[in-house]
N, C-alpha and C. Protein backbone atom coordinates (compact mmCIF):
# COMPACT_ATOMS: atom_id res chain seq x y z
N UNK A 1 -13.48 -2.34 -0.93
CA UNK A 1 -13.07 -2.95 -1.99
C UNK A 1 -11.17 -3.52 -1.67
N UNK A 2 -10.67 -3.47 -0.47
CA UNK A 2 -9.40 -3.09 -0.27
C UNK A 2 -8.96 -5.17 -0.33
N UNK A 3 -10.64 -6.20 0.08
CA UNK A 3 -11.31 -7.27 0.05
C UNK A 3 -11.03 -8.12 -1.05
N UNK A 4 -11.76 -7.24 -2.49
CA UNK A 4 -11.35 -7.62 -3.51
C UNK A 4 -9.74 -7.66 -4.06
N UNK A 5 -9.07 -6.47 -3.66
CA UNK A 5 -7.24 -6.20 -4.60
C UNK A 5 -6.38 -7.75 -3.21
N UNK A 6 -7.02 -7.79 -1.96
CA UNK A 6 -6.32 -8.47 -1.78
C UNK A 6 -6.47 -10.15 -2.05
N UNK A 7 -7.70 -10.62 -2.62
CA UNK A 7 -8.54 -11.71 -3.06
C UNK A 7 -8.11 -11.97 -4.59
N UNK A 8 -7.45 -10.92 -5.06
CA UNK A 8 -7.14 -10.77 -6.52
C UNK A 8 -5.55 -10.77 -5.94
N UNK A 9 -5.03 -10.66 -5.08
CA UNK A 9 -3.27 -11.44 -4.77
C UNK A 9 -2.92 -12.58 -4.78
N UNK A 10 -4.12 -12.89 -3.36
CA UNK A 10 -4.62 -14.38 -3.28
C UNK A 10 -4.49 -15.80 -4.20
N UNK A 11 -5.30 -14.87 -5.08
CA UNK A 11 -5.81 -15.65 -6.08
C UNK A 11 -4.62 -16.11 -7.24
N UNK A 12 -3.59 -15.15 -7.57
CA UNK A 12 -2.35 -14.77 -8.59
C UNK A 12 -1.28 -15.06 -7.80
N UNK A 13 -0.79 -16.16 -7.08
CA UNK A 13 0.33 -16.22 -6.69
C UNK A 13 1.55 -15.67 -7.08
N UNK A 14 1.91 -15.46 -8.34
CA UNK A 14 3.00 -15.23 -9.60
C UNK A 14 2.64 -13.40 -9.31
N UNK A 15 1.54 -12.75 -8.85
CA UNK A 15 1.56 -11.61 -8.28
C UNK A 15 2.73 -11.39 -6.74
N UNK A 16 2.07 -12.17 -6.00
CA UNK A 16 2.93 -12.20 -5.24
C UNK A 16 4.97 -12.48 -4.54
N UNK A 17 5.01 -12.79 -6.56
CA UNK A 17 6.12 -13.47 -6.36
C UNK A 17 6.86 -12.15 -6.89
N UNK A 18 6.68 -11.41 -7.83
CA UNK A 18 6.78 -9.85 -8.44
C UNK A 18 6.65 -9.18 -6.96
N UNK A 19 5.78 -9.09 -6.35
CA UNK A 19 6.28 -7.46 -5.42
C UNK A 19 6.70 -8.61 -4.66
N UNK A 20 7.13 -9.37 -4.08
CA UNK A 20 8.10 -9.82 -3.14
C UNK A 20 9.44 -9.62 -3.47
N UNK A 21 9.31 -9.78 -5.27
CA UNK A 21 10.96 -9.34 -5.81
C UNK A 21 11.48 -8.38 -5.85
N UNK A 22 10.15 -7.35 -5.70
CA UNK A 22 10.00 -5.69 -5.28
C UNK A 22 10.90 -5.75 -4.10
N UNK A 23 9.50 -6.20 -2.99
CA UNK A 23 9.97 -5.98 -1.63
C UNK A 23 11.57 -6.39 -1.03
N UNK A 24 12.23 -6.81 -1.60
CA UNK A 24 13.31 -7.32 -1.76
C UNK A 24 14.97 -7.27 -2.31
N UNK A 25 14.07 -6.00 -3.47
CA UNK A 25 15.16 -5.34 -4.23
C UNK A 25 15.95 -4.27 -3.44
N UNK A 26 16.84 -3.61 -4.01
CA UNK A 26 17.43 -1.91 -3.23
C UNK A 26 17.10 -1.27 -4.27
N UNK A 27 16.23 -0.41 -3.60
CA UNK A 27 15.88 1.17 -3.96
C UNK A 27 17.10 1.94 -4.20
N UNK A 28 16.52 2.73 -5.58
CA UNK A 28 18.46 4.31 -5.46
C UNK A 28 17.86 5.06 -4.30
N UNK A 29 18.56 6.02 -5.04
CA UNK A 29 19.23 7.23 -3.10
C UNK A 29 17.39 7.52 -3.70
N UNK A 30 17.01 7.79 -4.39
CA UNK A 30 15.47 8.73 -4.70
C UNK A 30 14.22 7.66 -4.71
N UNK A 31 14.93 6.21 -3.88
CA UNK A 31 13.76 4.96 -3.84
C UNK A 31 13.27 4.16 -4.67
N UNK A 32 13.47 4.44 -6.25
CA UNK A 32 13.05 3.54 -7.18
C UNK A 32 13.43 2.67 -7.61
N UNK A 33 13.01 1.70 -7.99
CA UNK A 33 13.54 -0.32 -8.63
C UNK A 33 13.15 0.24 -10.01
N UNK A 34 14.50 -0.38 -10.59
CA UNK A 34 13.95 -1.13 -11.46
C UNK A 34 13.19 -1.87 -11.69
N UNK A 35 12.95 -2.31 -13.20
CA UNK A 35 12.34 -2.80 -13.44
C UNK A 35 12.54 -5.06 -13.17
N UNK A 36 12.08 -5.95 -12.79
CA UNK A 36 12.58 -6.78 -11.91
C UNK A 36 12.70 -7.74 -13.84
N UNK A 37 13.54 -8.65 -14.36
CA UNK A 37 13.09 -8.86 -15.08
C UNK A 37 13.51 -10.73 -15.11
N UNK A 38 13.82 -11.25 -13.88
CA UNK A 38 14.22 -12.74 -13.97
C UNK A 38 13.05 -13.20 -12.64
N UNK A 39 12.20 -13.60 -13.09
CA UNK A 39 11.47 -13.79 -11.44
C UNK A 39 11.57 -15.87 -11.83
N UNK A 40 12.00 -16.23 -10.57
CA UNK A 40 12.04 -17.89 -10.86
C UNK A 40 10.41 -18.24 -10.63
N UNK A 41 10.28 -18.88 -11.40
CA UNK A 41 8.73 -20.30 -11.81
C UNK A 41 7.97 -18.81 -12.67
N UNK A 42 8.27 -17.86 -13.50
CA UNK A 42 8.19 -16.65 -14.23
C UNK A 42 8.19 -16.48 -15.35
N UNK A 43 7.78 -17.11 -16.23
CA UNK A 43 7.96 -16.45 -18.12
C UNK A 43 8.23 -14.91 -17.92
N UNK A 44 9.04 -14.75 -18.77
CA UNK A 44 9.72 -13.92 -18.77
C UNK A 44 8.63 -12.79 -19.22
N UNK A 45 8.31 -13.68 -20.74
CA UNK A 45 6.66 -12.76 -21.23
C UNK A 45 5.66 -12.72 -20.37
N UNK A 46 5.64 -12.89 -19.58
CA UNK A 46 3.96 -12.84 -18.69
C UNK A 46 4.48 -11.74 -17.62
N UNK A 47 5.52 -11.25 -17.39
CA UNK A 47 5.53 -10.57 -16.63
C UNK A 47 4.94 -8.69 -17.13
N UNK A 48 5.37 -8.43 -18.33
CA UNK A 48 4.59 -7.41 -18.44
C UNK A 48 3.55 -7.23 -18.06
N UNK A 49 2.35 -8.49 -17.97
CA UNK A 49 0.86 -8.27 -18.19
C UNK A 49 0.62 -8.43 -16.53
N UNK A 50 2.19 -9.04 -16.14
CA UNK A 50 1.83 -8.68 -14.36
C UNK A 50 2.04 -7.87 -13.86
N UNK A 51 3.15 -6.83 -14.66
CA UNK A 51 2.98 -5.68 -14.12
C UNK A 51 1.76 -4.64 -14.02
N UNK A 52 1.19 -4.91 -15.18
CA UNK A 52 -0.13 -4.02 -15.62
C UNK A 52 -1.06 -4.21 -14.53
N UNK A 53 -1.31 -5.67 -14.04
CA UNK A 53 -2.39 -5.95 -12.96
C UNK A 53 -1.61 -4.93 -12.14
N UNK A 54 -0.48 -4.88 -11.53
CA UNK A 54 -0.29 -4.63 -10.14
C UNK A 54 -0.76 -3.30 -10.31
N UNK A 55 0.17 -2.46 -11.08
CA UNK A 55 -0.51 -1.06 -11.09
C UNK A 55 -2.03 -0.67 -11.38
N UNK A 56 -2.56 -2.08 -11.81
CA UNK A 56 -3.78 -1.74 -11.99
C UNK A 56 -4.91 -1.86 -11.01
N UNK A 57 -4.49 -2.17 -9.89
CA UNK A 57 -5.09 -2.44 -9.01
C UNK A 57 -4.15 -2.07 -7.42
N UNK A 58 -3.34 -1.33 -7.62
CA UNK A 58 -2.83 -0.35 -6.86
C UNK A 58 -1.53 -0.94 -6.02
N UNK A 59 -0.96 -1.98 -6.39
CA UNK A 59 0.29 -2.38 -5.50
C UNK A 59 1.37 -2.16 -6.05
N UNK A 60 1.02 -1.38 -7.11
CA UNK A 60 2.66 -1.10 -7.58
C UNK A 60 2.53 0.12 -8.23
N UNK A 61 3.08 0.95 -8.02
CA UNK A 61 3.65 2.69 -8.89
C UNK A 61 4.67 2.57 -9.71
N UNK A 62 4.67 3.36 -10.68
CA UNK A 62 5.82 3.59 -11.94
C UNK A 62 5.51 4.68 -11.85
N UNK A 63 7.59 5.29 -12.24
CA UNK A 63 7.27 6.61 -13.06
C UNK A 63 8.40 6.18 -13.67
N UNK A 64 8.15 6.85 -14.78
CA UNK A 64 8.39 7.06 -16.31
C UNK A 64 9.90 8.21 -16.13
N UNK A 65 11.01 7.78 -16.54
CA UNK A 65 12.17 8.87 -16.32
C UNK A 65 12.19 8.92 -18.19
N UNK A 66 13.72 9.20 -17.93
CA UNK A 66 14.29 9.93 -19.55
C UNK A 66 14.38 8.90 -20.51
N UNK A 67 14.55 8.57 -21.35
CA UNK A 67 15.03 7.32 -22.47
C UNK A 67 16.42 6.44 -21.43
N UNK A 68 16.94 7.27 -21.15
CA UNK A 68 18.16 6.79 -21.21
C UNK A 68 18.01 5.66 -19.55
N UNK A 69 17.06 6.04 -18.73
CA UNK A 69 16.63 5.03 -17.34
C UNK A 69 15.59 4.88 -17.57
N UNK A 70 14.90 4.58 -18.32
CA UNK A 70 13.42 4.11 -18.15
C UNK A 70 12.98 4.05 -17.89
N UNK A 71 11.95 2.97 -17.01
CA UNK A 71 11.08 2.96 -16.39
C UNK A 71 11.61 2.78 -14.52
N UNK A 72 11.16 3.00 -13.48
CA UNK A 72 10.84 2.59 -12.28
C UNK A 72 10.07 2.02 -11.49
N UNK A 73 9.84 1.71 -10.42
CA UNK A 73 8.61 1.21 -9.98
C UNK A 73 9.05 1.28 -8.46
N UNK A 74 7.77 0.98 -7.97
CA UNK A 74 8.00 1.55 -6.24
C UNK A 74 6.75 0.47 -6.22
N UNK A 75 6.72 -0.24 -4.70
CA UNK A 75 5.59 -0.86 -4.04
C UNK A 75 4.83 0.47 -3.45
N UNK A 76 3.34 -0.25 -3.34
CA UNK A 76 2.76 1.20 -3.26
C UNK A 76 2.21 0.53 -1.49
N UNK A 77 1.78 1.49 -0.24
CA UNK A 77 1.73 0.85 0.81
C UNK A 77 0.84 -0.20 0.54
N UNK A 78 -0.51 0.12 -0.13
CA UNK A 78 -1.31 -1.07 -0.49
C UNK A 78 -0.60 -2.30 -0.31
N UNK A 79 0.08 -2.44 -1.64
CA UNK A 79 1.02 -3.47 -1.88
C UNK A 79 1.99 -4.19 -1.21
N UNK A 80 2.30 -3.57 -0.11
CA UNK A 80 3.50 -3.69 1.48
C UNK A 80 2.18 -4.76 2.20
N UNK A 81 1.31 -3.77 2.36
CA UNK A 81 -0.33 -4.17 3.45
C UNK A 81 -0.19 -5.52 2.62
N UNK A 82 -0.64 -5.38 1.67
CA UNK A 82 -0.92 -6.91 0.81
C UNK A 82 0.05 -8.31 1.45
N UNK A 83 1.71 -7.81 1.15
CA UNK A 83 2.43 -8.57 1.10
C UNK A 83 2.00 -9.11 2.32
N UNK A 84 2.59 -8.48 3.45
CA UNK A 84 2.19 -8.25 5.04
C UNK A 84 1.24 -9.53 5.30
N UNK A 85 -0.10 -9.34 4.55
CA UNK A 85 -1.20 -9.34 5.06
C UNK A 85 -1.31 -11.01 4.65
N UNK A 86 -1.11 -11.47 3.54
CA UNK A 86 -0.81 -12.84 3.04
C UNK A 86 0.05 -13.09 3.77
N UNK A 87 1.07 -12.97 4.05
CA UNK A 87 2.15 -13.69 4.50
C UNK A 87 2.02 -13.35 6.02
N UNK A 88 1.49 -13.20 6.51
CA UNK A 88 1.41 -13.51 7.84
C UNK A 88 0.10 -14.69 8.14
N UNK A 89 -1.25 -14.73 6.79
CA UNK A 89 -1.90 -16.08 6.60
C UNK A 89 -1.38 -17.11 6.47
N UNK A 90 -0.16 -17.15 5.43
CA UNK A 90 -0.17 -17.87 4.87
C UNK A 90 -0.62 -18.12 3.35
N UNK A 91 -1.33 -16.87 3.32
CA UNK A 91 -2.32 -16.63 2.06
C UNK A 91 -3.44 -17.60 1.84
N UNK A 92 -4.05 -17.83 2.85
CA UNK A 92 -5.27 -19.13 3.26
C UNK A 92 -6.24 -18.30 2.91
N UNK A 93 -6.93 -17.47 3.47
CA UNK A 93 -7.86 -15.90 3.36
C UNK A 93 -7.51 -15.26 3.56
N UNK A 94 -8.77 -14.13 3.20
CA UNK A 94 -8.23 -12.62 3.70
C UNK A 94 -9.81 -12.79 4.75
N UNK A 95 -9.08 -12.38 6.03
CA UNK A 95 -9.71 -11.90 6.74
C UNK A 95 -10.24 -10.55 6.38
N UNK A 96 -11.85 -10.58 7.05
CA UNK A 96 -12.08 -9.24 6.72
C UNK A 96 -12.27 -7.66 8.04
N UNK A 97 -11.62 -8.37 9.23
CA UNK A 97 -10.92 -7.63 10.82
C UNK A 97 -9.81 -6.93 9.66
N UNK A 98 -9.14 -7.52 9.31
CA UNK A 98 -7.81 -7.29 8.98
C UNK A 98 -7.63 -6.44 8.44
N UNK A 99 -8.56 -6.57 6.85
CA UNK A 99 -8.59 -6.20 5.84
C UNK A 99 -9.74 -4.69 6.03
N UNK A 100 -10.82 -4.98 6.88
CA UNK A 100 -10.88 -3.51 7.55
C UNK A 100 -9.67 -2.68 8.51
N UNK A 101 -8.90 -3.03 8.93
CA UNK A 101 -7.97 -2.71 9.66
C UNK A 101 -7.18 -1.79 8.52
N UNK A 102 -6.57 -2.70 7.37
CA UNK A 102 -6.09 -1.53 6.49
C UNK A 102 -6.32 -0.67 5.88
N UNK A 103 -7.84 -0.93 5.47
CA UNK A 103 -8.83 0.24 4.72
C UNK A 103 -8.94 1.53 5.65
N UNK A 104 -8.66 1.27 7.26
CA UNK A 104 -8.51 2.27 7.87
C UNK A 104 -7.28 2.74 7.85
N UNK A 105 -5.96 2.34 7.82
CA UNK A 105 -4.71 2.80 8.11
C UNK A 105 -5.17 3.84 6.71
N UNK A 106 -4.97 2.70 5.53
CA UNK A 106 -5.28 3.84 4.13
C UNK A 106 -5.62 4.95 4.27
N UNK A 107 -7.28 5.37 4.99
CA UNK A 107 -7.66 6.33 5.17
C UNK A 107 -7.04 7.24 6.35
N UNK A 108 -6.44 7.03 7.20
CA UNK A 108 -5.42 8.01 8.48
C UNK A 108 -5.01 8.23 7.74
N UNK A 109 -3.65 7.59 6.69
CA UNK A 109 -2.69 8.02 6.27
C UNK A 109 -3.15 9.17 5.18
N UNK A 110 -4.04 8.92 4.29
CA UNK A 110 -4.68 10.19 2.88
C UNK A 110 -5.30 10.96 3.69
N UNK A 111 -5.77 11.25 4.97
CA UNK A 111 -6.37 11.89 6.31
C UNK A 111 -5.04 13.08 6.43
N UNK A 112 -3.70 12.02 6.88
CA UNK A 112 -2.89 12.92 7.40
C UNK A 112 -2.15 13.84 6.79
N UNK A 113 -1.93 12.92 4.91
CA UNK A 113 -1.57 14.42 3.71
C UNK A 113 -2.51 15.09 3.55
N UNK A 114 -3.61 14.64 3.94
CA UNK A 114 -4.72 16.23 3.28
C UNK A 114 -4.65 17.55 4.19
N UNK A 115 -4.76 16.83 5.98
CA UNK A 115 -4.36 17.50 7.13
C UNK A 115 -3.06 18.57 6.55
N UNK A 116 -2.10 17.89 6.24
CA UNK A 116 -0.53 18.34 6.12
C UNK A 116 -0.68 19.48 4.74
N UNK A 117 -1.69 18.97 3.99
CA UNK A 117 -1.27 19.83 2.98
C UNK A 117 -2.31 20.98 3.25
N UNK A 118 -3.60 21.28 3.89
CA UNK A 118 -4.78 22.11 4.59
C UNK A 118 -3.68 23.21 4.95
N UNK A 119 -3.04 22.58 6.08
CA UNK A 119 -1.93 23.22 6.79
C UNK A 119 -1.04 24.19 6.32
N UNK A 120 -0.53 23.13 5.49
CA UNK A 120 0.74 24.27 4.06
C UNK A 120 0.26 25.57 3.79
N UNK A 121 -1.23 25.27 3.23
CA UNK A 121 -1.84 26.21 2.25
C UNK A 121 -2.62 27.00 3.51
N UNK A 122 -2.55 27.11 4.96
CA UNK A 122 -2.97 28.02 5.60
C UNK A 122 -1.95 28.99 6.30
N UNK A 123 -0.78 28.27 6.70
CA UNK A 123 0.29 29.14 6.41
C UNK A 123 0.63 30.18 5.28
N UNK A 124 0.62 29.76 4.56
CA UNK A 124 0.71 31.15 3.13
C UNK A 124 0.25 32.21 3.30
N UNK A 125 1.23 33.59 3.74
CA UNK A 125 0.62 34.47 3.44
C UNK A 125 -0.24 35.10 2.54
N UNK A 126 -1.23 35.55 2.80
CA UNK A 126 -2.06 35.68 1.95
C UNK A 126 -1.94 37.70 1.64
N UNK A 127 -1.93 37.97 0.44
CA UNK A 127 -1.77 39.62 0.26
C UNK A 127 -3.34 39.78 -0.24
N UNK A 128 -3.87 41.09 0.21
CA UNK A 128 -4.96 41.60 -0.22
C UNK A 128 -4.61 43.01 -1.07
N UNK A 129 -6.31 42.89 -1.88
CA UNK A 129 -6.06 44.34 -2.71
C UNK A 129 -6.35 45.64 -1.03
N UNK A 130 -6.42 45.45 -0.01
CA UNK A 130 -6.80 45.83 1.30
C UNK A 130 -5.42 46.70 1.74
N UNK A 131 -5.08 45.61 1.66
CA UNK A 131 -3.64 45.76 2.00
C UNK A 131 -3.31 46.90 1.22
N UNK A 132 -2.68 46.72 -0.22
CA UNK A 132 -1.88 47.45 -1.00
C UNK A 132 -2.67 48.71 -1.35
N UNK A 133 -3.91 48.73 -0.78
CA UNK A 133 -4.60 50.32 -0.82
C UNK A 133 -4.11 50.91 0.64
N UNK A 134 -3.85 50.79 1.93
CA UNK A 134 -3.75 51.22 3.37
C UNK A 134 -2.07 51.76 2.55
N UNK A 135 -1.07 50.75 1.89
CA UNK A 135 0.28 51.31 2.14
C UNK A 135 0.41 52.59 0.95
N UNK A 136 -0.91 52.47 -0.35
CA UNK A 136 -1.22 53.84 -1.18
C UNK A 136 -1.62 54.78 -0.86
N UNK A 137 -2.25 54.58 0.09
CA UNK A 137 -3.01 56.03 1.31
C UNK A 137 -1.86 56.06 2.48
N UNK A 138 -1.11 55.99 2.84
CA UNK A 138 0.17 56.42 3.51
C UNK A 138 1.57 57.20 2.48
């Protein structure tokens, strides 16, 4: 699947321009980025469609804040990897080997997060009816 996403980035240079704009932006203290409205070479009326595609393909995440703050964005790991991958190749072609490495990295990150969540669950104390019965009997 990663090859398809990378090929979409490669085939849509304006998507890369938007991702680059976010990667060069300064995040707030919570790591969020405000929406980019002005990117050289891209008409402002095209930005909503591009944002939608980047979110749909998993290159960009968004967070709805309250009505005063609006929407915040954040590059996903796939978005950062896509920028790196296509920058390294000059956006010529998507290499199967590198794409497989990116998939493996994503899987490893996912496995680590899952293992961490499982460890946390296992470390929580469990109270049972049996221990309650023992304290009542005493």
